[in-house]
């Protein structure tokens, strides 16, 4: 055997993520966030705990959480690959 170290093959460079895709993901997150934001802005004093436990309220909360997750993932992946 030779005295040379065996090096692993070089990995191909990571592909750059499209800025357009990141912008579309942020836009989709904002659209998901919009219904809950409207409810909180228009009816802040009229919302009760029962309203939030109702299936429609849970749907709005779930959409808002999904919107935040989509925005965070889009921004995080966009920054890490730059």
PDB file of N, CA and C in Angstrom:
ATOM      1  N   UNK A   1       0.828  -1.189   0.000  1.00  0.00           N
ATOM      2  CA  UNK A   1       0.000   0.000   0.000  1.00  0.00           C
ATOM      3  C   UNK A   1       0.868   1.246   0.000  1.00  0.00           C
ATOM      4  N   UNK A   2       0.324   2.285  -0.549  1.00  0.00           N
ATOM      5  CA  UNK A   2       1.079   3.538  -0.617  1.00  0.00           C
ATOM      6  C   UNK A   2       0.877   4.328   0.666  1.00  0.00           C
ATOM      7  N   UNK A   3       1.701   5.299   0.878  1.00  0.00           N
ATOM      8  CA  UNK A   3       1.645   6.101   2.088  1.00  0.00           C
ATOM      9  C   UNK A   3       0.679   7.273   1.991  1.00  0.00           C
ATOM     10  N   UNK A   4      -0.058   7.369   0.877  1.00  0.00           N
ATOM     11  CA  UNK A   4      -0.979   8.501   0.716  1.00  0.00           C
ATOM     12  C   UNK A   4      -2.255   8.251   1.509  1.00  0.00           C
ATOM     13  N   UNK A   5      -2.808   9.322   2.033  1.00  0.00           N
ATOM     14  CA  UNK A   5      -4.097   9.211   2.721  1.00  0.00           C
ATOM     15  C   UNK A   5      -5.206   9.053   1.695  1.00  0.00           C
ATOM     16  N   UNK A   6      -6.183   8.274   2.049  1.00  0.00           N
ATOM     17  CA  UNK A   6      -7.325   8.092   1.171  1.00  0.00           C
ATOM     18  C   UNK A   6      -8.361   9.154   1.524  1.00  0.00           C
ATOM     19  N   UNK A   7      -8.627  10.022   0.578  1.00  0.00           N
ATOM     20  CA  UNK A   7      -9.577  11.104   0.797  1.00  0.00           C
ATOM     21  C   UNK A   7     -10.924  10.738   0.181  1.00  0.00           C
ATOM     22  N   UNK A   8     -12.005  11.103   0.861  1.00  0.00           N
ATOM     23  CA  UNK A   8     -13.317  10.838   0.258  1.00  0.00           C
ATOM     24  C   UNK A   8     -13.520  11.747  -0.951  1.00  0.00           C
ATOM     25  N   UNK A   9     -14.326  11.310  -1.902  1.00  0.00           N
ATOM     26  CA  UNK A   9     -14.565  12.164  -3.073  1.00  0.00           C
ATOM     27  C   UNK A   9     -15.262  13.464  -2.642  1.00  0.00           C
ATOM     28  N   UNK A  10     -14.947  14.517  -3.360  1.00  0.00           N
ATOM     29  CA  UNK A  10     -15.554  15.806  -3.032  1.00  0.00           C
ATOM     30  C   UNK A  10     -17.028  15.784  -3.373  1.00  0.00           C
ATOM     31  N   UNK A  11     -17.808  16.391  -2.487  1.00  0.00           N
ATOM     32  CA  UNK A  11     -19.245  16.479  -2.719  1.00  0.00           C
ATOM     33  C   UNK A  11     -19.528  17.565  -3.745  1.00  0.00           C
ATOM     34  N   UNK A  12     -20.556  17.370  -4.552  1.00  0.00           N
ATOM     35  CA  UNK A  12     -20.902  18.433  -5.507  1.00  0.00           C
ATOM     36  C   UNK A  12     -21.389  19.668  -4.749  1.00  0.00           C
ATOM     37  N   UNK A  13     -21.187  20.839  -5.296  1.00  0.00           N
ATOM     38  CA  UNK A  13     -21.641  22.058  -4.603  1.00  0.00           C
ATOM     39  C   UNK A  13     -23.157  22.066  -4.451  1.00  0.00           C
ATOM     40  N   UNK A  14     -23.612  22.638  -3.327  1.00  0.00           N
ATOM     41  CA  UNK A  14     -25.048  22.721  -3.091  1.00  0.00           C
ATOM     42  C   UNK A  14     -25.676  23.665  -4.106  1.00  0.00           C
ATOM     43  N   UNK A  15     -26.837  23.290  -4.571  1.00  0.00           N
ATOM     44  CA  UNK A  15     -27.527  24.134  -5.531  1.00  0.00           C
ATOM     45  C   UNK A  15     -28.118  25.336  -4.808  1.00  0.00           C
ATOM     46  N   UNK A  16     -28.028  26.464  -5.463  1.00  0.00           N
ATOM     47  CA  UNK A  16     -28.581  27.684  -4.902  1.00  0.00           C
ATOM     48  C   UNK A  16     -30.096  27.636  -4.998  1.00  0.00           C
ATOM     49  N   UNK A  17     -30.767  28.107  -3.963  1.00  0.00           N
ATOM     50  CA  UNK A  17     -32.215  28.159  -3.976  1.00  0.00           C
ATOM     51  C   UNK A  17     -32.648  29.454  -4.644  1.00  0.00           C
ATOM     52  N   UNK A  18     -33.687  29.349  -5.414  1.00  0.00           N
ATOM     53  CA  UNK A  18     -34.176  30.501  -6.146  1.00  0.00           C
ATOM     54  C   UNK A  18     -34.755  31.543  -5.191  1.00  0.00           C
ATOM     55  N   UNK A  19     -34.410  32.794  -5.400  1.00  0.00           N
ATOM     56  CA  UNK A  19     -34.985  33.870  -4.601  1.00  0.00           C
ATOM     57  C   UNK A  19     -36.471  34.013  -4.849  1.00  0.00           C
ATOM     58  N   UNK A  20     -36.889  33.654  -6.061  1.00  0.00           N
ATOM     59  CA  UNK A  20     -38.310  33.711  -6.397  1.00  0.00           C
ATOM     60  C   UNK A  20     -39.094  32.684  -5.577  1.00  0.00           C
ATOM     61  N   UNK A  21     -38.523  31.496  -5.398  1.00  0.00           N
ATOM     62  CA  UNK A  21     -39.179  30.458  -4.611  1.00  0.00           C
ATOM     63  C   UNK A  21     -39.314  30.891  -3.153  1.00  0.00           C
ATOM     64  N   UNK A  22     -38.295  31.540  -2.618  1.00  0.00           N
ATOM     65  CA  UNK A  22     -38.353  32.042  -1.251  1.00  0.00           C
ATOM     66  C   UNK A  22     -39.436  33.107  -1.120  1.00  0.00           C
ATOM     67  N   UNK A  23     -39.502  33.998  -2.092  1.00  0.00           N
ATOM     68  CA  UNK A  23     -40.522  35.049  -2.062  1.00  0.00           C
ATOM     69  C   UNK A  23     -41.923  34.455  -2.153  1.00  0.00           C
ATOM     70  N   UNK A  24     -42.113  33.438  -2.982  1.00  0.00           N
ATOM     71  CA  UNK A  24     -43.423  32.792  -3.085  1.00  0.00           C
ATOM     72  C   UNK A  24     -43.797  32.077  -1.787  1.00  0.00           C
ATOM     73  N   UNK A  25     -42.818  31.467  -1.124  1.00  0.00           N
ATOM     74  CA  UNK A  25     -43.090  30.802   0.144  1.00  0.00           C
ATOM     75  C   UNK A  25     -43.485  31.824   1.219  1.00  0.00           C
ATOM     76  N   UNK A  26     -42.804  32.953   1.256  1.00  0.00           N
ATOM     77  CA  UNK A  26     -43.162  34.009   2.221  1.00  0.00           C
ATOM     78  C   UNK A  26     -44.556  34.542   1.907  1.00  0.00           C
ATOM     79  N   UNK A  27     -44.871  34.728   0.639  1.00  0.00           N
ATOM     80  CA  UNK A  27     -46.200  35.199   0.248  1.00  0.00           C
ATOM     81  C   UNK A  27     -47.280  34.189   0.663  1.00  0.00           C
ATOM     82  N   UNK A  28     -47.013  32.904   0.456  1.00  0.00           N
ATOM     83  CA  UNK A  28     -47.969  31.864   0.871  1.00  0.00           C
ATOM     84  C   UNK A  28     -48.151  31.880   2.384  1.00  0.00           C
ATOM     85  N   UNK A  29     -47.068  32.080   3.120  1.00  0.00           N
ATOM     86  CA  UNK A  29     -47.162  32.175   4.581  1.00  0.00           C
ATOM     87  C   UNK A  29     -47.991  33.363   5.021  1.00  0.00           C
ATOM     88  N   UNK A  30     -47.830  34.487   4.352  1.00  0.00           N
ATOM     89  CA  UNK A  30     -48.627  35.671   4.685  1.00  0.00           C
ATOM     90  C   UNK A  30     -50.105  35.450   4.377  1.00  0.00           C
ATOM     91  N   UNK A  31     -50.390  34.756   3.286  1.00  0.00           N
ATOM     92  CA  UNK A  31     -51.783  34.458   2.944  1.00  0.00           C
ATOM     93  C   UNK A  31     -52.399  33.553   4.011  1.00  0.00           C
ATOM     94  N   UNK A  32     -51.627  32.570   4.503  1.00  0.00           N
ATOM     95  CA  UNK A  32     -52.129  31.705   5.561  1.00  0.00           C
ATOM     96  C   UNK A  32     -52.314  32.468   6.873  1.00  0.00           C
ATOM     97  N   UNK A  33     -51.501  33.453   7.106  1.00  0.00           N
ATOM     98  CA  UNK A  33     -51.559  34.240   8.335  1.00  0.00           C
ATOM     99  C   UNK A  33     -52.680  35.276   8.318  1.00  0.00           C
ATOM    100  N   UNK A  34     -53.108  35.673   7.137  1.00  0.00           N
ATOM    101  CA  UNK A  34     -54.056  36.776   6.960  1.00  0.00           C
ATOM    102  C   UNK A  34     -55.394  36.605   7.689  1.00  0.00           C
ATOM    103  N   UNK A  35     -56.084  35.463   7.611  1.00  0.00           N
ATOM    104  CA  UNK A  35     -57.397  35.374   8.273  1.00  0.00           C
ATOM    105  C   UNK A  35     -57.340  35.607   9.776  1.00  0.00           C
ATOM    106  N   UNK A  36     -56.375  35.016  10.456  1.00  0.00           N
ATOM    107  CA  UNK A  36     -56.282  35.195  11.907  1.00  0.00           C
ATOM    108  C   UNK A  36     -55.897  36.623  12.250  1.00  0.00           C
ATOM    109  N   UNK A  37     -55.043  37.227  11.441  1.00  0.00           N
ATOM    110  CA  UNK A  37     -54.658  38.612  11.690  1.00  0.00           C
ATOM    111  C   UNK A  37     -55.861  39.532  11.545  1.00  0.00           C
ATOM    112  N   UNK A  38     -56.696  39.279  10.547  1.00  0.00           N
ATOM    113  CA  UNK A  38     -57.899  40.096  10.361  1.00  0.00           C
ATOM    114  C   UNK A  38     -58.848  39.956  11.544  1.00  0.00           C
ATOM    115  N   UNK A  39     -59.028  38.735  12.007  1.00  0.00           N
ATOM    116  CA  UNK A  39     -59.918  38.516  13.161  1.00  0.00           C
ATOM    117  C   UNK A  39     -59.386  39.255  14.374  1.00  0.00           C
ATOM    118  N   UNK A  40     -58.101  39.190  14.615  1.00  0.00           N
ATOM    119  CA  UNK A  40     -57.527  39.851  15.781  1.00  0.00           C
ATOM    120  C   UNK A  40     -57.554  41.367  15.665  1.00  0.00           C
ATOM    121  N   UNK A  41     -57.470  41.898  14.454  1.00  0.00           N
ATOM    122  CA  UNK A  41     -57.491  43.352  14.270  1.00  0.00           C
ATOM    123  C   UNK A  41     -58.919  43.889  14.328  1.00  0.00           C
ATOM    124  N   UNK A  42     -59.858  43.198  13.691  1.00  0.00           N
ATOM    125  CA  UNK A  42     -61.224  43.701  13.586  1.00  0.00           C
ATOM    126  C   UNK A  42     -62.015  43.450  14.872  1.00  0.00           C
ATOM    127  N   UNK A  43     -61.838  42.285  15.486  1.00  0.00           N
ATOM    128  CA  UNK A  43     -62.636  41.925  16.661  1.00  0.00           C
ATOM    129  C   UNK A  43     -61.770  41.594  17.880  1.00  0.00           C
ATOM    130  N   UNK A  44     -60.859  42.457  18.290  1.00  0.00           N
ATOM    131  CA  UNK A  44     -59.965  42.073  19.390  1.00  0.00           C
ATOM    132  C   UNK A  44     -60.686  41.910  20.734  1.00  0.00           C
ATOM    133  N   UNK A  45     -61.709  42.697  21.002  1.00  0.00           N
ATOM    134  CA  UNK A  45     -62.374  42.643  22.293  1.00  0.00           C
ATOM    135  C   UNK A  45     -63.542  41.661  22.320  1.00  0.00           C
ATOM    136  N   UNK A  46     -63.938  41.144  21.172  1.00  0.00           N
ATOM    137  CA  UNK A  46     -65.093  40.265  21.105  1.00  0.00           C
ATOM    138  C   UNK A  46     -64.727  38.791  21.036  1.00  0.00           C
ATOM    139  N   UNK A  47     -63.465  38.469  20.967  1.00  0.00           N
ATOM    140  CA  UNK A  47     -63.044  37.081  20.866  1.00  0.00           C
ATOM    141  C   UNK A  47     -62.971  36.482  22.263  1.00  0.00           C
ATOM    142  N   UNK A  48     -63.628  35.328  22.431  1.00  0.00           N
ATOM    143  CA  UNK A  48     -63.590  34.623  23.705  1.00  0.00           C
ATOM    144  C   UNK A  48     -62.842  33.306  23.517  1.00  0.00           C
ATOM    145  N   UNK A  49     -62.587  32.643  24.618  1.00  0.00           N
ATOM    146  CA  UNK A  49     -61.914  31.346  24.560  1.00  0.00           C
ATOM    147  C   UNK A  49     -62.766  30.334  23.803  1.00  0.00           C
ATOM    148  N   UNK A  50     -64.086  30.424  23.945  1.00  0.00           N
ATOM    149  CA  UNK A  50     -64.976  29.501  23.248  1.00  0.00           C
ATOM    150  C   UNK A  50     -64.881  29.684  21.734  1.00  0.00           C
ATOM    151  N   UNK A  51     -64.709  30.922  21.302  1.00  0.00           N
ATOM    152  CA  UNK A  51     -64.549  31.170  19.864  1.00  0.00           C
ATOM    153  C   UNK A  51     -63.289  30.493  19.326  1.00  0.00           C
ATOM    154  N   UNK A  52     -62.230  30.498  20.120  1.00  0.00           N
ATOM    155  CA  UNK A  52     -60.974  29.905  19.675  1.00  0.00           C
ATOM    156  C   UNK A  52     -61.006  28.379  19.741  1.00  0.00           C
ATOM    157  N   UNK A  53     -61.899  27.813  20.561  1.00  0.00           N
ATOM    158  CA  UNK A  53     -62.028  26.362  20.654  1.00  0.00           C
ATOM    159  C   UNK A  53     -63.013  25.812  19.629  1.00  0.00           C
ATOM    160  N   UNK A  54     -63.756  26.667  18.982  1.00  0.00           N
ATOM    161  CA  UNK A  54     -64.690  26.258  17.931  1.00  0.00           C
ATOM    162  C   UNK A  54     -63.882  25.774  16.719  1.00  0.00           C
ATOM    163  N   UNK A  55     -64.410  24.827  15.929  1.00  0.00           N
ATOM    164  CA  UNK A  55     -63.636  24.316  14.787  1.00  0.00           C
ATOM    165  C   UNK A  55     -63.162  25.399  13.814  1.00  0.00           C
ATOM    166  N   UNK A  56     -63.954  26.422  13.591  1.00  0.00           N
ATOM    167  CA  UNK A  56     -63.510  27.508  12.692  1.00  0.00           C
ATOM    168  C   UNK A  56     -62.349  28.262  13.331  1.00  0.00           C
ATOM    169  N   UNK A  57     -62.436  28.503  14.627  1.00  0.00           N
ATOM    170  CA  UNK A  57     -61.343  29.179  15.322  1.00  0.00           C
ATOM    171  C   UNK A  57     -60.073  28.361  15.286  1.00  0.00           C
ATOM    172  N   UNK A  58     -60.218  27.045  15.468  1.00  0.00           N
ATOM    173  CA  UNK A  58     -59.054  26.168  15.396  1.00  0.00           C
ATOM    174  C   UNK A  58     -58.460  26.153  13.992  1.00  0.00           C
ATOM    175  N   UNK A  59     -59.323  26.239  12.997  1.00  0.00           N
ATOM    176  CA  UNK A  59     -58.846  26.304  11.615  1.00  0.00           C
ATOM    177  C   UNK A  59     -58.027  27.571  11.381  1.00  0.00           C
ATOM    178  N   UNK A  60     -58.503  28.698  11.882  1.00  0.00           N
ATOM    179  CA  UNK A  60     -57.766  29.960  11.744  1.00  0.00           C
ATOM    180  C   UNK A  60     -56.435  29.891  12.481  1.00  0.00           C
ATOM    181  N   UNK A  61     -56.443  29.331  13.684  1.00  0.00           N
ATOM    182  CA  UNK A  61     -55.206  29.223  14.455  1.00  0.00           C
ATOM    183  C   UNK A  61     -54.222  28.295  13.745  1.00  0.00           C
ATOM    184  N   UNK A  62     -54.723  27.174  13.245  1.00  0.00           N
ATOM    185  CA  UNK A  62     -53.854  26.239  12.519  1.00  0.00           C
ATOM    186  C   UNK A  62     -53.265  26.858  11.270  1.00  0.00           C
ATOM    187  N   UNK A  63     -54.073  27.617  10.542  1.00  0.00           N
ATOM    188  CA  UNK A  63     -53.570  28.279   9.338  1.00  0.00           C
ATOM    189  C   UNK A  63     -52.514  29.325   9.706  1.00  0.00           C
ATOM    190  N   UNK A  64     -52.740  30.045  10.797  1.00  0.00           N
ATOM    191  CA  UNK A  64     -51.765  31.051  11.222  1.00  0.00           C
ATOM    192  C   UNK A  64     -50.444  30.398  11.619  1.00  0.00           C
ATOM    193  N   UNK A  65     -50.523  29.293  12.346  1.00  0.00           N
ATOM    194  CA  UNK A  65     -49.301  28.589  12.740  1.00  0.00           C
ATOM    195  C   UNK A  65     -48.576  28.051  11.506  1.00  0.00           C
ATOM    196  N   UNK A  66     -49.329  27.490  10.572  1.00  0.00           N
ATOM    197  CA  UNK A  66     -48.723  26.992   9.335  1.00  0.00           C
ATOM    198  C   UNK A  66     -48.063  28.135   8.563  1.00  0.00           C
ATOM    199  N   UNK A  67     -48.706  29.302   8.541  1.00  0.00           N
ATOM    200  CA  UNK A  67     -48.127  30.453   7.858  1.00  0.00           C
ATOM    201  C   UNK A  67     -46.810  30.885   8.472  1.00  0.00           C
ATOM    202  N   UNK A  68     -46.755  30.910   9.792  1.00  0.00           N
ATOM    203  CA  UNK A  68     -45.513  31.283  10.474  1.00  0.00           C
ATOM    204  C   UNK A  68     -44.418  30.258  10.181  1.00  0.00           C
ATOM    205  N   UNK A  69     -44.776  28.974  10.206  1.00  0.00           N
ATOM    206  CA  UNK A  69     -43.790  27.928   9.929  1.00  0.00           C
ATOM    207  C   UNK A  69     -43.257  28.045   8.499  1.00  0.00           C
ATOM    208  N   UNK A  70     -44.143  28.284   7.544  1.00  0.00           N
ATOM    209  CA  UNK A  70     -43.711  28.421   6.150  1.00  0.00           C
ATOM    210  C   UNK A  70     -42.771  29.613   5.987  1.00  0.00           C
ATOM    211  N   UNK A  71     -43.099  30.725   6.614  1.00  0.00           N
ATOM    212  CA  UNK A  71     -42.247  31.917   6.519  1.00  0.00           C
ATOM    213  C   UNK A  71     -40.884  31.657   7.146  1.00  0.00           C
ATOM    214  N   UNK A  72     -40.869  31.051   8.331  1.00  0.00           N
ATOM    215  CA  UNK A  72     -39.592  30.783   9.015  1.00  0.00           C
ATOM    216  C   UNK A  72     -38.726  29.829   8.194  1.00  0.00           C
ATOM    217  N   UNK A  73     -39.330  28.772   7.663  1.00  0.00           N
ATOM    218  CA  UNK A  73     -38.550  27.828   6.852  1.00  0.00           C
ATOM    219  C   UNK A  73     -38.026  28.471   5.568  1.00  0.00           C
ATOM    220  N   UNK A  74     -38.840  29.311   4.941  1.00  0.00           N
ATOM    221  CA  UNK A  74     -38.405  29.966   3.701  1.00  0.00           C
ATOM    222  C   UNK A  74     -37.243  30.913   3.967  1.00  0.00           C
ATOM    223  N   UNK A  75     -37.320  31.671   5.028  1.00  0.00           N
ATOM    224  CA  UNK A  75     -36.264  32.640   5.332  1.00  0.00           C
ATOM    225  C   UNK A  75     -35.012  31.914   5.802  1.00  0.00           C
ATOM    226  N   UNK A  76     -35.164  30.890   6.628  1.00  0.00           N
ATOM    227  CA  UNK A  76     -34.003  30.169   7.141  1.00  0.00           C
ATOM    228  C   UNK A  76     -33.249  29.464   6.029  1.00  0.00           C
ATOM    229  N   UNK A  77     -33.957  28.774   5.145  1.00  0.00           N
ATOM    230  CA  UNK A  77     -33.287  28.060   4.049  1.00  0.00           C
ATOM    231  C   UNK A  77     -32.694  29.028   3.041  1.00  0.00           C
ATOM    232  N   UNK A  78     -33.353  30.173   2.849  1.00  0.00           N
ATOM    233  CA  UNK A  78     -32.817  31.162   1.930  1.00  0.00           C
ATOM    234  C   UNK A  78     -31.513  31.748   2.429  1.00  0.00           C
ATOM    235  N   UNK A  79     -31.394  31.956   3.725  1.00  0.00           N
ATOM    236  CA  UNK A  79     -30.166  32.519   4.291  1.00  0.00           C
ATOM    237  C   UNK A  79     -29.054  31.504   4.380  1.00  0.00           C
ATOM    238  N   UNK A  80     -29.388  30.259   4.735  1.00  0.00           N
ATOM    239  CA  UNK A  80     -28.344  29.267   4.940  1.00  0.00           C
ATOM    240  C   UNK A  80     -27.641  28.875   3.647  1.00  0.00           C
ATOM    241  N   UNK A  81     -28.282  29.011   2.528  1.00  0.00           N
ATOM    242  CA  UNK A  81     -27.694  28.603   1.250  1.00  0.00           C
ATOM    243  C   UNK A  81     -26.997  29.755   0.538  1.00  0.00           C
ATOM    244  N   UNK A  82     -27.136  30.948   1.050  1.00  0.00           N
ATOM    245  CA  UNK A  82     -26.522  32.096   0.368  1.00  0.00           C
ATOM    246  C   UNK A  82     -25.060  32.187   0.669  1.00  0.00           C
TER     247      UNK A  82
END
